[in-house]
Amino acid sequence: MKKINVTITGALGKMGKILIKRISKNKNLKLFSLTDLKSGKTAHKIKIQKNNIHAFKKTDVIIDFSRPNASIEVLKYAKRFKKKIVIGTTGFTKKQNNLIKNYSKKIAIFKSGNMSLGINLLEYIVSIFSKKIPKTYQIGIIDNHHKQKVDYPSGTALMLANAISKSKNKSPESIKGKIFFNKSGSLQKNKINFFITRKGYTIGKHSVNFNNNVENIELKHTAFSRDLFADGALNAAEWISKKNKGLFNMQDMLGLNKLL
């Protein structure tokens, strides 16, 4: 079987460095090129360059963990050269998300706020819970990350919130409640309230709580290593390589959307 050529953008970032390390363990993928805002350094005998035609023209799949504006720039290259792309970047604006959706009519895009198996199974379970849980239960999402995490709520927290809103046939905006950043406070009733912490070196701790004052049901996931995000993205690169166009996520790859 011919190996799939992969370009990693954001190569000097936390996830970029781990992806470079983990791709060598995947027998079906081959590291083709690396890009970042800073060029000149070398990783695995490949020179890191800024985004340009040569980095993307002959690759098969792009894996992007960068910042929203940089992701959109990479996406334009993907569209131009008809390349598949895996997007692990979070924090996109509504306008940027609409652009991604529009581009998926031309190319195959895999986009997920969290690439781990565990979180996506949690999202599936949360969907089931939300359909059955009475309205008397208040819903809170706890979103803990390291102090360098810029966006909040995180992509993972928004994934979980979207799963809840979808199960209740409501728009995410209509059911979104208060956001508490590094503090607590009184909840907004019949809404999803977010409790955000950005301290220390936490990789990722997320939980969804259903509480009615006589019991609390907590569905929780803790990440101990970023390797799980990298491996999920590499598996996604293999999976998306067989698609022509469309917007896909981990639920599609795992076949969970068919079960809901």
C-alpha atoms as a PDB file:
ATOM      1  CA  MET A   1       0.000   0.000   0.000  1.00  0.00           C
ATOM      2  CA  LYS A   2       1.310   3.431  -0.981  1.00  0.00           C
ATOM      3  CA  LYS A   3       1.852   5.677   2.007  1.00  0.00           C
ATOM      4  CA  ILE A   4      -0.219   8.834   2.385  1.00  0.00           C
ATOM      5  CA  ASN A   5       1.866  12.025   2.221  1.00  0.00           C
ATOM      6  CA  VAL A   6       1.086  14.342   5.116  1.00  0.00           C
ATOM      7  CA  THR A   7       1.839  18.023   5.661  1.00  0.00           C
ATOM      8  CA  ILE A   8       1.754  19.297   9.251  1.00  0.00           C
ATOM      9  CA  THR A   9       1.097  23.007   9.784  1.00  0.00           C
ATOM     10  CA  GLY A  10       1.852  24.716  13.075  1.00  0.00           C
ATOM     11  CA  ALA A  11       4.880  22.426  13.213  1.00  0.00           C
ATOM     12  CA  LEU A  12       6.580  24.342  16.032  1.00  0.00           C
ATOM     13  CA  GLY A  13       3.526  24.337  18.288  1.00  0.00           C
ATOM     14  CA  LYS A  14       2.784  21.849  21.068  1.00  0.00           C
ATOM     15  CA  MET A  15       0.589  19.646  18.884  1.00  0.00           C
ATOM     16  CA  GLY A  16       2.786  20.059  15.824  1.00  0.00           C
ATOM     17  CA  LYS A  17       5.817  18.677  17.652  1.00  0.00           C
ATOM     18  CA  ILE A  18       3.857  15.700  18.969  1.00  0.00           C
ATOM     19  CA  LEU A  19       2.372  14.952  15.538  1.00  0.00           C
ATOM     20  CA  ILE A  20       5.871  14.909  14.024  1.00  0.00           C
ATOM     21  CA  LYS A  21       6.946  12.433  16.681  1.00  0.00           C
ATOM     22  CA  ARG A  22       3.860  10.197  16.463  1.00  0.00           C
ATOM     23  CA  ILE A  23       3.594  10.002  12.662  1.00  0.00           C
ATOM     24  CA  SER A  24       6.737   7.855  12.538  1.00  0.00           C
ATOM     25  CA  LYS A  25       4.788   5.130  14.370  1.00  0.00           C
ATOM     26  CA  ASN A  26       2.033   5.058  11.713  1.00  0.00           C
ATOM     27  CA  LYS A  27       2.857   2.609   8.912  1.00  0.00           C
ATOM     28  CA  ASN A  28       0.348   4.148   6.471  1.00  0.00           C
ATOM     29  CA  LEU A  29       1.455   7.795   6.716  1.00  0.00           C
ATOM     30  CA  LYS A  30       4.597   9.575   5.517  1.00  0.00           C
ATOM     31  CA  LEU A  31       5.720  13.025   6.665  1.00  0.00           C
ATOM     32  CA  PHE A  32       5.980  15.122   3.496  1.00  0.00           C
ATOM     33  CA  SER A  33       6.377  18.753   4.585  1.00  0.00           C
ATOM     34  CA  LEU A  34       6.202  21.056   7.609  1.00  0.00           C
ATOM     35  CA  THR A  35       5.074  24.671   7.873  1.00  0.00           C
ATOM     36  CA  ASP A  36       4.937  27.317  10.575  1.00  0.00           C
ATOM     37  CA  LEU A  37       5.029  31.103  10.939  1.00  0.00           C
ATOM     38  CA  LYS A  38       8.756  30.750  11.673  1.00  0.00           C
ATOM     39  CA  SER A  39      10.830  28.931   9.073  1.00  0.00           C
ATOM     40  CA  GLY A  40      14.378  27.609   8.904  1.00  0.00           C
ATOM     41  CA  LYS A  41      14.439  24.942  11.612  1.00  0.00           C
ATOM     42  CA  THR A  42      14.564  21.242  10.741  1.00  0.00           C
ATOM     43  CA  ALA A  43      12.539  18.338  12.174  1.00  0.00           C
ATOM     44  CA  HIS A  44      12.975  14.702  11.110  1.00  0.00           C
ATOM     45  CA  LYS A  45      15.330  15.916   8.362  1.00  0.00           C
ATOM     46  CA  ILE A  46      12.577  18.122   6.885  1.00  0.00           C
ATOM     47  CA  LYS A  47      13.053  21.882   6.788  1.00  0.00           C
ATOM     48  CA  ILE A  48      10.206  23.861   8.315  1.00  0.00           C
ATOM     49  CA  GLN A  49       8.971  26.517   5.881  1.00  0.00           C
ATOM     50  CA  LYS A  50       6.309  29.191   5.797  1.00  0.00           C
ATOM     51  CA  ASN A  51       3.058  28.382   4.008  1.00  0.00           C
ATOM     52  CA  ASN A  52       3.738  28.273   0.280  1.00  0.00           C
ATOM     53  CA  ILE A  53       2.803  26.413  -2.911  1.00  0.00           C
ATOM     54  CA  HIS A  54       5.641  23.863  -2.638  1.00  0.00           C
ATOM     55  CA  ALA A  55       4.597  22.773   0.866  1.00  0.00           C
ATOM     56  CA  PHE A  56       1.098  21.772  -0.248  1.00  0.00           C
ATOM     57  CA  LYS A  57       1.074  21.074  -3.989  1.00  0.00           C
ATOM     58  CA  LYS A  58       2.215  17.431  -3.868  1.00  0.00           C
ATOM     59  CA  THR A  59       0.991  16.379  -0.437  1.00  0.00           C
ATOM     60  CA  ASP A  60      -2.117  14.203   0.081  1.00  0.00           C
ATOM     61  CA  VAL A  61      -3.479  15.352   3.451  1.00  0.00           C
ATOM     62  CA  ILE A  62      -2.846  18.460   5.557  1.00  0.00           C
ATOM     63  CA  ILE A  63      -3.094  18.312   9.358  1.00  0.00           C
ATOM     64  CA  ASP A  64      -3.588  21.748  10.888  1.00  0.00           C
ATOM     65  CA  PHE A  65      -3.192  22.624  14.567  1.00  0.00           C
ATOM     66  CA  SER A  66      -2.488  26.358  14.569  1.00  0.00           C
ATOM     67  CA  ARG A  67      -4.565  29.509  15.083  1.00  0.00           C
ATOM     68  CA  PRO A  68      -7.834  30.381  13.306  1.00  0.00           C
ATOM     69  CA  ASN A  69      -6.407  32.964  10.896  1.00  0.00           C
ATOM     70  CA  ALA A  70      -3.499  30.688   9.998  1.00  0.00           C
ATOM     71  CA  SER A  71      -5.926  27.775   9.492  1.00  0.00           C
ATOM     72  CA  ILE A  72      -7.980  29.811   7.029  1.00  0.00           C
ATOM     73  CA  GLU A  73      -4.812  30.608   5.066  1.00  0.00           C
ATOM     74  CA  VAL A  74      -3.932  26.893   4.943  1.00  0.00           C
ATOM     75  CA  LEU A  75      -7.499  26.049   3.964  1.00  0.00           C
ATOM     76  CA  LYS A  76      -7.187  28.306   0.913  1.00  0.00           C
ATOM     77  CA  TYR A  77      -4.151  26.302  -0.224  1.00  0.00           C
ATOM     78  CA  ALA A  78      -6.091  23.076   0.372  1.00  0.00           C
ATOM     79  CA  LYS A  79      -8.931  24.308  -1.807  1.00  0.00           C
ATOM     80  CA  ARG A  80      -6.580  25.572  -4.516  1.00  0.00           C
ATOM     81  CA  PHE A  81      -4.787  22.238  -4.853  1.00  0.00           C
ATOM     82  CA  LYS A  82      -7.780  19.994  -3.983  1.00  0.00           C
ATOM     83  CA  LYS A  83      -6.161  18.576  -0.832  1.00  0.00           C
ATOM     84  CA  LYS A  84      -7.853  16.828   2.080  1.00  0.00           C
ATOM     85  CA  ILE A  85      -7.430  18.607   5.396  1.00  0.00           C
ATOM     86  CA  VAL A  86      -7.758  17.712   9.085  1.00  0.00           C
ATOM     87  CA  ILE A  87      -8.432  20.772  11.263  1.00  0.00           C
ATOM     88  CA  GLY A  88      -7.747  20.505  14.986  1.00  0.00           C
ATOM     89  CA  THR A  89      -7.590  24.266  15.517  1.00  0.00           C
ATOM     90  CA  THR A  90     -10.309  25.798  17.695  1.00  0.00           C
ATOM     91  CA  GLY A  91     -11.600  29.310  18.373  1.00  0.00           C
ATOM     92  CA  PHE A  92     -13.044  30.056  14.926  1.00  0.00           C
ATOM     93  CA  THR A  93     -15.510  32.904  14.480  1.00  0.00           C
ATOM     94  CA  LYS A  94     -18.969  32.260  13.047  1.00  0.00           C
ATOM     95  CA  LYS A  95     -17.810  33.775   9.751  1.00  0.00           C
ATOM     96  CA  GLN A  96     -14.766  31.489   9.635  1.00  0.00           C
ATOM     97  CA  ASN A  97     -16.880  28.408  10.407  1.00  0.00           C
ATOM     98  CA  ASN A  98     -19.220  29.346   7.564  1.00  0.00           C
ATOM     99  CA  LEU A  99     -16.225  29.653   5.234  1.00  0.00           C
ATOM    100  CA  ILE A 100     -15.022  26.178   6.265  1.00  0.00           C
ATOM    101  CA  LYS A 101     -18.485  24.792   5.598  1.00  0.00           C
ATOM    102  CA  ASN A 102     -18.524  26.462   2.193  1.00  0.00           C
ATOM    103  CA  TYR A 103     -15.088  25.065   1.272  1.00  0.00           C
ATOM    104  CA  SER A 104     -16.270  21.561   2.183  1.00  0.00           C
ATOM    105  CA  LYS A 105     -18.480  21.653  -0.912  1.00  0.00           C
ATOM    106  CA  LYS A 106     -15.265  21.469  -2.948  1.00  0.00           C
ATOM    107  CA  ILE A 107     -12.839  19.449  -0.787  1.00  0.00           C
ATOM    108  CA  ALA A 108     -12.894  16.929   2.069  1.00  0.00           C
ATOM    109  CA  ILE A 109     -12.523  18.605   5.465  1.00  0.00           C
ATOM    110  CA  PHE A 110     -12.266  16.807   8.806  1.00  0.00           C
ATOM    111  CA  LYS A 111     -12.856  19.240  11.673  1.00  0.00           C
ATOM    112  CA  SER A 112     -13.109  18.430  15.347  1.00  0.00           C
ATOM    113  CA  GLY A 113     -12.709  20.452  18.527  1.00  0.00           C
ATOM    114  CA  ASN A 114     -11.175  17.374  20.130  1.00  0.00           C
ATOM    115  CA  MET A 115      -9.542  14.411  18.370  1.00  0.00           C
ATOM    116  CA  SER A 116      -9.589  11.962  21.277  1.00  0.00           C
ATOM    117  CA  LEU A 117     -11.675   8.791  21.229  1.00  0.00           C
ATOM    118  CA  GLY A 118     -12.785   9.313  24.827  1.00  0.00           C
ATOM    119  CA  ILE A 119     -14.174  12.816  24.356  1.00  0.00           C
ATOM    120  CA  ASN A 120     -16.118  11.809  21.282  1.00  0.00           C
ATOM    121  CA  LEU A 121     -17.624   8.836  23.083  1.00  0.00           C
ATOM    122  CA  LEU A 122     -18.468  11.238  25.921  1.00  0.00           C
ATOM    123  CA  GLU A 123     -20.177  13.536  23.409  1.00  0.00           C
ATOM    124  CA  TYR A 124     -22.253  10.586  22.214  1.00  0.00           C
ATOM    125  CA  ILE A 125     -23.242   9.615  25.770  1.00  0.00           C
ATOM    126  CA  VAL A 126     -24.093  13.248  26.619  1.00  0.00           C
ATOM    127  CA  SER A 127     -26.439  13.336  23.607  1.00  0.00           C
ATOM    128  CA  ILE A 128     -28.300  10.285  24.893  1.00  0.00           C
ATOM    129  CA  PHE A 129     -28.490  11.660  28.440  1.00  0.00           C
ATOM    130  CA  SER A 130     -29.761  15.028  27.266  1.00  0.00           C
ATOM    131  CA  LYS A 131     -32.660  13.456  25.400  1.00  0.00           C
ATOM    132  CA  LYS A 132     -33.882  11.613  28.484  1.00  0.00           C
ATOM    133  CA  ILE A 133     -33.058  13.985  31.336  1.00  0.00           C
ATOM    134  CA  PRO A 134     -36.048  16.049  32.681  1.00  0.00           C
ATOM    135  CA  LYS A 135     -36.079  19.842  32.380  1.00  0.00           C
ATOM    136  CA  THR A 136     -35.801  20.120  36.157  1.00  0.00           C
ATOM    137  CA  TYR A 137     -32.081  19.261  35.916  1.00  0.00           C
ATOM    138  CA  GLN A 138     -29.639  22.140  35.544  1.00  0.00           C
ATOM    139  CA  ILE A 139     -26.789  21.524  33.087  1.00  0.00           C
ATOM    140  CA  GLY A 140     -23.241  22.725  33.672  1.00  0.00           C
ATOM    141  CA  ILE A 141     -20.092  22.133  31.633  1.00  0.00           C
ATOM    142  CA  ILE A 142     -16.740  22.259  33.412  1.00  0.00           C
ATOM    143  CA  ASP A 143     -13.879  23.208  31.090  1.00  0.00           C
ATOM    144  CA  ASN A 144     -10.355  23.052  32.566  1.00  0.00           C
ATOM    145  CA  HIS A 145      -7.190  23.756  30.572  1.00  0.00           C
ATOM    146  CA  HIS A 146      -3.647  25.055  31.019  1.00  0.00           C
ATOM    147  CA  LYS A 147      -3.034  28.785  31.465  1.00  0.00           C
ATOM    148  CA  GLN A 148      -1.811  29.254  27.869  1.00  0.00           C
ATOM    149  CA  LYS A 149      -5.101  28.099  26.358  1.00  0.00           C
ATOM    150  CA  VAL A 150      -6.477  31.191  24.609  1.00  0.00           C
ATOM    151  CA  ASP A 151     -10.050  30.384  23.557  1.00  0.00           C
ATOM    152  CA  TYR A 152     -12.915  29.816  25.981  1.00  0.00           C
ATOM    153  CA  PRO A 153     -15.169  27.995  26.120  1.00  0.00           C
ATOM    154  CA  SER A 154     -12.829  25.489  24.487  1.00  0.00           C
ATOM    155  CA  GLY A 155     -13.663  23.613  21.308  1.00  0.00           C
ATOM    156  CA  THR A 156     -14.332  20.562  23.452  1.00  0.00           C
ATOM    157  CA  ALA A 157     -16.777  22.393  25.726  1.00  0.00           C
ATOM    158  CA  LEU A 158     -18.610  23.749  22.685  1.00  0.00           C
ATOM    159  CA  MET A 159     -18.765  20.251  21.183  1.00  0.00           C
ATOM    160  CA  LEU A 160     -20.464  19.000  24.340  1.00  0.00           C
ATOM    161  CA  ALA A 161     -22.820  21.987  24.432  1.00  0.00           C
ATOM    162  CA  ASN A 162     -23.746  21.477  20.779  1.00  0.00           C
ATOM    163  CA  ALA A 163     -24.497  17.812  21.462  1.00  0.00           C
ATOM    164  CA  ILE A 164     -26.901  18.872  24.224  1.00  0.00           C
ATOM    165  CA  SER A 165     -28.629  21.539  22.142  1.00  0.00           C
ATOM    166  CA  LYS A 166     -28.977  19.210  19.164  1.00  0.00           C
ATOM    167  CA  SER A 167     -30.546  16.508  21.314  1.00  0.00           C
ATOM    168  CA  LYS A 168     -33.091  19.058  22.541  1.00  0.00           C
ATOM    169  CA  ASN A 169     -33.759  20.380  19.015  1.00  0.00           C
ATOM    170  CA  LYS A 170     -32.559  23.852  19.985  1.00  0.00           C
ATOM    171  CA  SER A 171     -29.898  26.128  18.559  1.00  0.00           C
ATOM    172  CA  PRO A 172     -26.635  26.389  20.547  1.00  0.00           C
ATOM    173  CA  GLU A 173     -27.161  30.149  20.984  1.00  0.00           C
ATOM    174  CA  SER A 174     -30.661  29.782  22.443  1.00  0.00           C
ATOM    175  CA  ILE A 175     -29.560  27.381  25.169  1.00  0.00           C
ATOM    176  CA  LYS A 176     -26.219  28.981  26.093  1.00  0.00           C
ATOM    177  CA  GLY A 177     -26.140  30.345  29.636  1.00  0.00           C
ATOM    178  CA  LYS A 178     -23.562  32.137  31.746  1.00  0.00           C
ATOM    179  CA  ILE A 179     -19.797  31.758  31.435  1.00  0.00           C
ATOM    180  CA  PHE A 180     -17.838  31.780  34.684  1.00  0.00           C
ATOM    181  CA  PHE A 181     -14.106  32.317  34.101  1.00  0.00           C
ATOM    182  CA  ASN A 182     -11.925  31.208  37.030  1.00  0.00           C
ATOM    183  CA  LYS A 183     -14.837  31.833  39.402  1.00  0.00           C
ATOM    184  CA  SER A 184     -18.258  30.522  40.427  1.00  0.00           C
ATOM    185  CA  GLY A 185     -21.671  32.176  40.551  1.00  0.00           C
ATOM    186  CA  SER A 186     -25.426  31.737  40.338  1.00  0.00           C
ATOM    187  CA  LEU A 187     -26.649  29.626  37.423  1.00  0.00           C
ATOM    188  CA  GLN A 188     -28.934  30.759  34.633  1.00  0.00           C
ATOM    189  CA  LYS A 189     -31.912  28.408  34.739  1.00  0.00           C
ATOM    190  CA  ASN A 190     -32.786  26.144  31.811  1.00  0.00           C
ATOM    191  CA  LYS A 191     -29.515  27.025  30.091  1.00  0.00           C
ATOM    192  CA  ILE A 192     -26.082  25.422  29.727  1.00  0.00           C
ATOM    193  CA  ASN A 193     -23.704  27.204  32.103  1.00  0.00           C
ATOM    194  CA  PHE A 194     -19.933  27.056  31.554  1.00  0.00           C
ATOM    195  CA  PHE A 195     -17.346  26.936  34.324  1.00  0.00           C
ATOM    196  CA  ILE A 196     -13.951  27.770  32.824  1.00  0.00           C
ATOM    197  CA  THR A 197     -10.551  27.339  34.470  1.00  0.00           C
ATOM    198  CA  ARG A 198      -7.257  28.320  32.838  1.00  0.00           C
ATOM    199  CA  LYS A 199      -4.526  27.558  35.344  1.00  0.00           C
ATOM    200  CA  GLY A 200      -1.339  25.524  35.626  1.00  0.00           C
ATOM    201  CA  TYR A 201      -0.481  22.877  33.039  1.00  0.00           C
ATOM    202  CA  THR A 202      -3.749  20.947  32.756  1.00  0.00           C
ATOM    203  CA  ILE A 203      -3.985  19.258  29.340  1.00  0.00           C
ATOM    204  CA  GLY A 204      -7.747  18.897  29.463  1.00  0.00           C
ATOM    205  CA  LYS A 205     -10.443  18.080  32.015  1.00  0.00           C
ATOM    206  CA  HIS A 206     -14.088  18.234  30.963  1.00  0.00           C
ATOM    207  CA  SER A 207     -17.292  17.185  32.618  1.00  0.00           C
ATOM    208  CA  VAL A 208     -21.006  17.651  32.069  1.00  0.00           C
ATOM    209  CA  ASN A 209     -23.140  17.846  35.199  1.00  0.00           C
ATOM    210  CA  PHE A 210     -26.897  17.282  35.415  1.00  0.00           C
ATOM    211  CA  ASN A 211     -28.124  18.518  38.801  1.00  0.00           C
ATOM    212  CA  ASN A 212     -31.595  18.836  40.380  1.00  0.00           C
ATOM    213  CA  ASN A 213     -30.489  19.525  43.991  1.00  0.00           C
ATOM    214  CA  VAL A 214     -31.271  15.965  45.138  1.00  0.00           C
ATOM    215  CA  GLU A 215     -28.718  14.271  42.871  1.00  0.00           C
ATOM    216  CA  ASN A 216     -25.874  15.147  40.554  1.00  0.00           C
ATOM    217  CA  ILE A 217     -24.952  13.079  37.486  1.00  0.00           C
ATOM    218  CA  GLU A 218     -21.416  13.759  36.278  1.00  0.00           C
ATOM    219  CA  LEU A 219     -20.026  12.578  32.936  1.00  0.00           C
ATOM    220  CA  LYS A 220     -16.289  13.215  32.879  1.00  0.00           C
ATOM    221  CA  HIS A 221     -13.143  12.914  30.754  1.00  0.00           C
ATOM    222  CA  THR A 222      -9.514  13.672  31.680  1.00  0.00           C
ATOM    223  CA  ALA A 223      -6.627  13.797  29.209  1.00  0.00           C
ATOM    224  CA  PHE A 224      -3.218  12.812  30.582  1.00  0.00           C
ATOM    225  CA  SER A 225      -1.206  13.219  27.369  1.00  0.00           C
ATOM    226  CA  ARG A 226      -1.503  15.150  24.099  1.00  0.00           C
ATOM    227  CA  ASP A 227      -0.506  11.940  22.312  1.00  0.00           C
ATOM    228  CA  LEU A 228      -4.178  10.950  22.232  1.00  0.00           C
ATOM    229  CA  PHE A 229      -5.063  14.089  20.228  1.00  0.00           C
ATOM    230  CA  ALA A 230      -2.193  13.466  17.809  1.00  0.00           C
ATOM    231  CA  ASP A 231      -3.118   9.821  17.262  1.00  0.00           C
ATOM    232  CA  GLY A 232      -6.740  10.802  16.660  1.00  0.00           C
ATOM    233  CA  ALA A 233      -5.663  13.380  14.073  1.00  0.00           C
ATOM    234  CA  LEU A 234      -3.422  10.845  12.308  1.00  0.00           C
ATOM    235  CA  ASN A 235      -6.269   8.318  12.194  1.00  0.00           C
ATOM    236  CA  ALA A 236      -8.456  11.098  10.796  1.00  0.00           C
ATOM    237  CA  ALA A 237      -5.862  11.791   8.081  1.00  0.00           C
ATOM    238  CA  GLU A 238      -6.054   8.156   6.962  1.00  0.00           C
ATOM    239  CA  TRP A 239      -9.855   8.202   7.024  1.00  0.00           C
ATOM    240  CA  ILE A 240     -10.319  11.522   5.190  1.00  0.00           C
ATOM    241  CA  SER A 241      -7.852  10.497   2.472  1.00  0.00           C
ATOM    242  CA  LYS A 242     -10.604   8.272   1.035  1.00  0.00           C
ATOM    243  CA  LYS A 243     -13.190  11.085   0.857  1.00  0.00           C
ATOM    244  CA  ASN A 244     -13.697  13.475  -2.056  1.00  0.00           C
ATOM    245  CA  LYS A 245     -15.598  16.328  -0.450  1.00  0.00           C
ATOM    246  CA  GLY A 246     -17.730  17.143   2.567  1.00  0.00           C
ATOM    247  CA  LEU A 247     -17.398  18.277   6.180  1.00  0.00           C
ATOM    248  CA  PHE A 248     -16.716  15.421   8.612  1.00  0.00           C
ATOM    249  CA  ASN A 249     -15.865  14.954  12.281  1.00  0.00           C
ATOM    250  CA  MET A 250     -14.888  12.249  14.767  1.00  0.00           C
ATOM    251  CA  GLN A 251     -18.501  11.165  15.158  1.00  0.00           C
ATOM    252  CA  ASP A 252     -18.563  10.359  11.436  1.00  0.00           C
ATOM    253  CA  MET A 253     -15.281   8.450  11.577  1.00  0.00           C
ATOM    254  CA  LEU A 254     -16.400   6.417  14.589  1.00  0.00           C
ATOM    255  CA  GLY A 255     -19.844   5.771  13.088  1.00  0.00           C
ATOM    256  CA  LEU A 256     -21.584   7.318  16.092  1.00  0.00           C
ATOM    257  CA  ASN A 257     -23.805   9.682  14.078  1.00  0.00           C
ATOM    258  CA  LYS A 258     -25.572   6.631  12.650  1.00  0.00           C
ATOM    259  CA  LEU A 259     -26.481   5.462  16.157  1.00  0.00           C
ATOM    260  CA  LEU A 260     -28.174   8.681  17.303  1.00  0.00           C
END
